[in-house]
Protein backbone atom coordinates (compact mmCIF):
# COMPACT_ATOMS: atom_id res chain seq x y z
CA MET A 1 0.00 0.00 0.00
CA THR A 2 1.26 3.46 -0.92
CA LEU A 3 0.72 6.58 1.15
CA ASP A 4 -1.69 7.88 -1.49
CA ASP A 5 -3.64 4.61 -1.24
CA TRP A 6 -3.93 4.98 2.53
CA LEU A 7 -5.03 8.62 2.27
CA ARG A 8 -7.73 7.77 -0.29
CA SER A 9 -9.05 4.99 1.92
CA ALA A 10 -8.92 7.19 5.04
CA ARG A 11 -10.96 9.93 3.32
CA THR A 12 -13.91 7.57 3.09
CA ARG A 13 -14.09 7.57 6.90
CA ILE A 14 -12.74 10.93 8.08
CA GLU A 15 -12.17 14.38 6.61
CA GLY A 16 -9.32 14.63 4.13
CA ARG A 17 -7.53 17.34 6.11
CA ASP A 18 -7.66 15.21 9.25
CA ALA A 19 -6.21 12.27 7.34
CA GLN A 20 -3.31 14.41 6.13
CA VAL A 21 -2.59 15.75 9.62
CA LEU A 22 -2.56 12.23 11.06
CA ALA A 23 -0.34 10.92 8.28
CA ALA A 24 2.13 13.78 8.63
CA HIS A 25 2.30 13.15 12.37
CA ALA A 26 2.78 9.40 12.06
CA LEU A 27 5.41 9.68 9.32
CA GLY A 28 7.25 12.66 10.82
CA CYS A 29 6.89 14.97 7.83
CA ASP A 30 4.98 18.06 6.74
CA ARG A 31 2.27 18.24 4.10
CA ALA A 32 4.81 18.88 1.37
CA GLY A 33 6.47 15.66 2.47
CA LEU A 34 3.18 13.82 2.07
CA ILE A 35 3.04 14.90 -1.57
CA ALA A 36 6.64 13.90 -2.19
CA ARG A 37 6.11 10.50 -0.58
CA GLY A 38 2.67 9.84 -2.03
CA ARG A 39 3.72 6.87 -4.19
CA GLU A 40 6.02 5.46 -1.56
CA GLN A 41 5.23 1.95 -0.35
CA LEU A 42 4.43 2.06 3.35
CA ALA A 43 6.23 -0.32 5.69
CA GLU A 44 4.01 -2.55 7.81
CA PRO A 45 4.73 -0.69 11.10
CA ALA A 46 3.73 2.60 9.43
CA VAL A 47 0.44 1.12 8.20
CA VAL A 48 -0.30 -0.23 11.68
CA ALA A 49 0.37 3.19 13.25
CA LEU A 50 -1.70 5.01 10.63
CA ASP A 51 -4.62 2.59 10.95
CA ALA A 52 -4.60 2.95 14.74
CA LEU A 53 -4.83 6.74 14.44
CA LEU A 54 -7.57 6.40 11.82
CA GLU A 55 -9.68 4.19 14.07
CA ARG A 56 -9.38 6.60 16.98
CA ARG A 57 -10.30 9.60 14.82
CA ALA A 58 -13.21 7.72 13.22
CA ALA A 59 -14.47 7.10 16.77
CA GLY A 60 -14.47 10.85 17.32
CA GLU A 61 -11.25 11.43 19.26
CA PRO A 62 -9.97 14.98 18.58
CA VAL A 63 -7.12 15.33 16.11
CA ALA A 64 -5.36 17.69 18.53
CA TYR A 65 -5.20 14.95 21.18
CA LEU A 66 -4.09 12.34 18.66
CA VAL A 67 -1.13 14.42 17.46
CA GLY A 68 -0.57 16.14 20.79
CA ARG A 69 -0.57 19.72 19.54
CA ARG A 70 -2.67 22.61 18.27
CA GLU A 71 -1.80 25.98 16.74
CA PHE A 72 -3.12 29.06 18.54
CA PHE A 73 -2.34 32.69 17.74
CA GLY A 74 0.67 31.56 15.72
CA LEU A 75 2.05 29.39 18.53
CA ASP A 76 2.53 25.63 18.32
CA LEU A 77 1.14 24.32 21.61
CA ALA A 78 1.25 20.88 23.17
CA VAL A 79 -2.19 19.66 24.27
CA ALA A 80 -3.47 16.52 25.97
CA PRO A 81 -6.79 15.22 27.31
CA GLY A 82 -6.23 17.07 30.60
CA VAL A 83 -6.76 20.49 28.98
CA LEU A 84 -9.18 22.13 26.60
CA ILE A 85 -8.18 22.29 22.95
CA PRO A 86 -7.46 25.95 22.07
CA ARG A 87 -9.96 27.30 19.55
CA PRO A 88 -9.86 30.21 17.08
CA ASP A 89 -12.79 31.92 18.85
CA THR A 90 -10.57 32.50 21.88
CA GLU A 91 -8.08 34.52 19.82
CA LEU A 92 -10.55 37.42 20.14
CA LEU A 93 -9.90 37.43 23.90
CA VAL A 94 -6.16 37.73 23.26
CA GLU A 95 -6.63 40.54 20.75
CA LEU A 96 -8.78 42.54 23.17
CA ALA A 97 -6.28 42.10 25.99
CA LEU A 98 -3.34 43.14 23.81
CA ALA A 99 -5.17 46.29 22.72
CA ARG A 100 -5.55 47.31 26.37
CA ILE A 101 -2.00 46.64 27.58
CA ARG A 102 0.22 47.27 24.57
CA ASP A 103 1.07 50.87 25.50
CA LEU A 104 1.86 50.12 29.15
CA ASP A 105 5.52 49.85 30.17
CA ALA A 106 5.19 46.62 32.15
CA PRO A 107 1.53 45.54 32.23
CA ARG A 108 0.57 42.96 34.84
CA VAL A 109 -1.65 40.31 33.29
CA LEU A 110 -3.43 37.36 34.89
CA ASP A 111 -4.82 34.41 32.93
CA ALA A 112 -7.33 32.68 35.21
CA GLY A 113 -7.88 29.02 34.32
CA THR A 114 -4.96 28.82 31.91
CA GLY A 115 -5.32 25.19 30.74
CA SER A 116 -2.63 24.62 28.11
CA GLY A 117 -1.37 28.19 28.70
CA ALA A 118 -2.61 29.30 25.29
CA ILE A 119 -3.96 32.72 26.27
CA ALA A 120 -1.11 33.63 28.63
CA LEU A 121 1.55 32.54 26.14
CA ALA A 122 -0.07 34.37 23.22
CA ILE A 123 -0.18 37.57 25.26
CA LYS A 124 3.44 37.23 26.39
CA ALA A 125 4.64 36.40 22.86
CA ASN A 126 2.97 39.52 21.44
CA CYS A 127 3.65 41.85 24.39
CA PRO A 128 7.11 40.89 25.69
CA GLN A 129 7.12 43.63 28.33
CA ALA A 130 4.07 42.12 30.03
CA GLN A 131 4.45 40.43 33.41
CA VAL A 132 2.14 37.46 32.90
CA THR A 133 0.80 35.19 35.63
CA ALA A 134 -1.25 32.10 34.81
CA LEU A 135 -3.24 30.07 37.31
CA ASP A 136 -5.15 26.82 37.25
CA ARG A 137 -6.46 24.42 39.88
CA SER A 138 -5.45 21.40 37.76
CA ASP A 139 -1.93 20.05 38.29
CA VAL A 140 -2.13 18.31 34.91
CA ALA A 141 -2.98 21.59 33.16
CA LEU A 142 -0.16 23.45 34.91
CA GLN A 143 2.33 20.78 33.90
CA ILE A 144 1.28 21.07 30.25
CA ALA A 145 1.29 24.88 30.37
CA ARG A 146 4.75 25.00 31.96
CA GLY A 147 6.05 22.67 29.27
CA ASN A 148 4.68 24.92 26.54
CA ALA A 149 6.22 28.00 28.13
CA GLN A 150 9.61 26.33 28.45
CA ARG A 151 9.59 25.04 24.88
CA LEU A 152 8.58 28.45 23.50
CA GLY A 153 11.07 30.31 25.70
CA LEU A 154 8.39 32.53 27.25
CA GLU A 155 8.59 33.56 30.90
CA ILE A 156 5.29 33.05 32.71
CA ALA A 157 4.62 32.75 36.45
CA PHE A 158 2.41 29.70 37.04
CA ILE A 159 0.35 29.36 40.21
CA ALA A 160 -1.91 26.59 41.50
CA SER A 161 -5.11 28.28 42.62
CA ASN A 162 -8.85 27.77 42.57
CA TRP A 163 -9.71 30.85 40.55
CA LEU A 164 -8.49 33.99 42.32
CA GLU A 165 -8.23 32.56 45.83
CA GLY A 166 -4.43 32.54 45.67
CA MET A 167 -4.18 36.09 44.34
CA THR A 168 -4.96 38.00 47.54
CA GLY A 169 -2.83 41.13 47.70
CA HIS A 170 -1.99 41.06 43.99
CA GLU A 171 -3.13 43.67 41.48
CA PHE A 172 -3.31 43.39 37.69
CA ASP A 173 -3.81 45.70 34.74
CA CYS A 174 -5.75 43.01 32.90
CA ILE A 175 -7.39 39.76 34.01
CA VAL A 176 -8.42 37.42 31.22
CA SER A 177 -10.28 34.14 31.42
CA ASN A 178 -11.93 31.47 29.31
CA PRO A 179 -13.81 29.75 32.16
CA PRO A 180 -16.21 26.79 32.02
CA TYR A 181 -19.51 28.16 30.71
CA ILE A 182 -21.52 25.26 29.28
CA ARG A 183 -24.75 24.36 31.08
CA VAL A 184 -25.17 20.99 32.78
CA GLY A 185 -26.92 18.66 30.34
CA ASP A 186 -26.23 20.81 27.29
CA GLU A 187 -26.61 18.66 24.15
CA HIS A 188 -23.27 19.91 22.79
CA LEU A 189 -21.43 17.98 25.53
CA ALA A 190 -22.32 14.77 23.69
CA GLN A 191 -21.08 16.05 20.34
CA GLY A 192 -17.72 16.43 18.58
CA ASP A 193 -14.52 17.13 20.49
CA LEU A 194 -16.37 18.09 23.66
CA ARG A 195 -17.03 14.42 24.36
CA PHE A 196 -13.31 13.94 25.04
CA GLU A 197 -12.40 17.19 26.79
CA PRO A 198 -12.32 17.54 30.60
CA GLU A 199 -15.78 18.28 32.00
CA ALA A 200 -14.29 20.42 34.77
CA ALA A 201 -13.05 22.84 32.12
CA LEU A 202 -16.37 22.88 30.25
CA ILE A 203 -19.34 22.82 32.62
CA GLY A 204 -20.24 25.96 34.56
CA GLY A 205 -23.22 24.77 36.58
CA ALA A 206 -26.94 24.64 35.89
CA ASP A 207 -26.94 27.87 33.87
CA GLY A 208 -23.28 27.83 32.85
CA LEU A 209 -22.51 30.98 34.83
CA ASP A 210 -21.17 29.62 38.14
CA ASP A 211 -17.49 30.32 37.39
CA LEU A 212 -18.25 33.60 35.65
CA ARG A 213 -20.04 34.71 38.82
CA ARG A 214 -16.96 33.83 40.89
CA LEU A 215 -14.67 35.73 38.55
CA CYS A 216 -16.84 38.81 38.29
CA GLY A 217 -17.32 38.85 42.05
CA SER A 218 -13.67 38.48 43.03
CA ALA A 219 -11.80 40.19 40.18
CA PRO A 220 -12.55 43.89 40.91
CA GLU A 221 -10.48 43.96 44.11
CA ARG A 222 -7.55 42.58 42.13
CA ILE A 223 -7.75 44.98 39.17
CA ALA A 224 -5.67 48.17 39.15
CA PRO A 225 -7.46 51.48 38.50
CA GLY A 226 -8.08 51.65 34.75
CA GLY A 227 -7.47 47.91 34.42
CA TRP A 228 -9.76 45.40 32.71
CA LEU A 229 -11.53 42.10 33.22
CA LEU A 230 -12.15 40.21 29.96
CA CYS A 231 -14.06 36.91 29.89
CA GLU A 232 -15.06 34.53 27.13
CA HIS A 233 -18.57 33.06 27.46
CA GLY A 234 -21.29 31.17 25.65
CA HIS A 235 -23.17 32.35 22.56
CA ASP A 236 -26.22 33.54 24.52
CA GLN A 237 -24.62 34.63 27.79
CA ALA A 238 -23.40 38.15 26.95
CA PRO A 239 -26.37 39.99 28.55
CA ALA A 240 -25.99 38.01 31.78
CA VAL A 241 -22.22 38.56 31.93
CA ARG A 242 -22.62 42.28 31.28
CA ALA A 243 -25.06 42.42 34.19
CA LEU A 244 -22.63 40.54 36.44
CA MET A 245 -19.82 42.95 35.63
CA ARG A 246 -21.94 46.04 36.15
CA CYS A 247 -23.18 44.70 39.50
CA THR A 248 -19.59 44.39 40.74
CA GLY A 249 -18.83 48.02 39.88
CA LEU A 250 -16.98 47.67 36.60
CA THR A 251 -17.48 50.43 34.03
CA ASP A 252 -17.36 50.65 30.24
CA VAL A 253 -18.87 47.17 30.12
CA SER A 254 -19.13 45.90 26.54
CA SER A 255 -19.32 42.69 24.53
CA TRP A 256 -17.43 41.86 21.34
CA ARG A 257 -18.34 39.51 18.50
CA ASP A 258 -16.22 36.70 17.11
CA LEU A 259 -15.74 35.93 13.42
CA ALA A 260 -19.13 34.19 13.34
CA GLY A 261 -20.83 37.36 14.59
CA ILE A 262 -21.54 35.89 18.04
CA GLU A 263 -21.00 37.95 21.19
CA ARG A 264 -18.11 35.89 22.52
CA VAL A 265 -16.18 38.12 24.96
CA THR A 266 -17.42 40.60 27.55
CA GLY A 267 -15.24 43.03 29.49
CA GLY A 268 -15.35 45.88 31.94
CA ALA A 269 -12.90 48.38 33.40
CA MET A 270 -12.07 49.45 36.93
CA ALA A 271 -12.68 53.17 37.43
CA ARG A 272 -9.52 55.26 37.74
């Protein structure tokens, strides 16, 4: 069997792009290498490895977990089942944070619930003068995030904390978070990649707002005058999150839409 033969067969069961990504991973080459090796006869161990990946993907396992990485904001990040898979929608959160800290000499930034470290690392990579702290209550997530920071050569302070409990006495110019915000029993939890991602990083209580309430309630006392809280949330939660932020005294509360036109991020500022 040639590589082209395997790819044609795989496309009858999974998307063609997924088949290429899995083949490139298994064979240790890029997509250009796949083209160059298309008529190459595959050794038996390679076929076994490719077929194993195909079966797992056909069963729904996320490609990012199968290959152990995902690109986010131009960064190549390691991911594993212990953390959420970074998604393009979340890049809006990074863009909004960068716009608010870029002109500061040494902005203090906190990423609450960092997971793979995607948000914190993207901010640090694009604003080198930022002093970035990332927290998570999951030891597995912190291990993955630290590994990403080390491999990318980006200096981040990582802290084990249940939300902002460990941040007493600290003050930040921007707090960012992509917290759990899916409702218990939501039908999407039984679909696609969500079936394989950690529930603790997905589910935010009966209405999906439990962790957003905690953040909005505790963040203001840890935000410097003129600083910001920016949170990602569900497609229909923007009005509720705006209300939460206004109730805690934040000003200039607004929501921003992602590329699909959905209000995806809400933020508010601490009065100067």
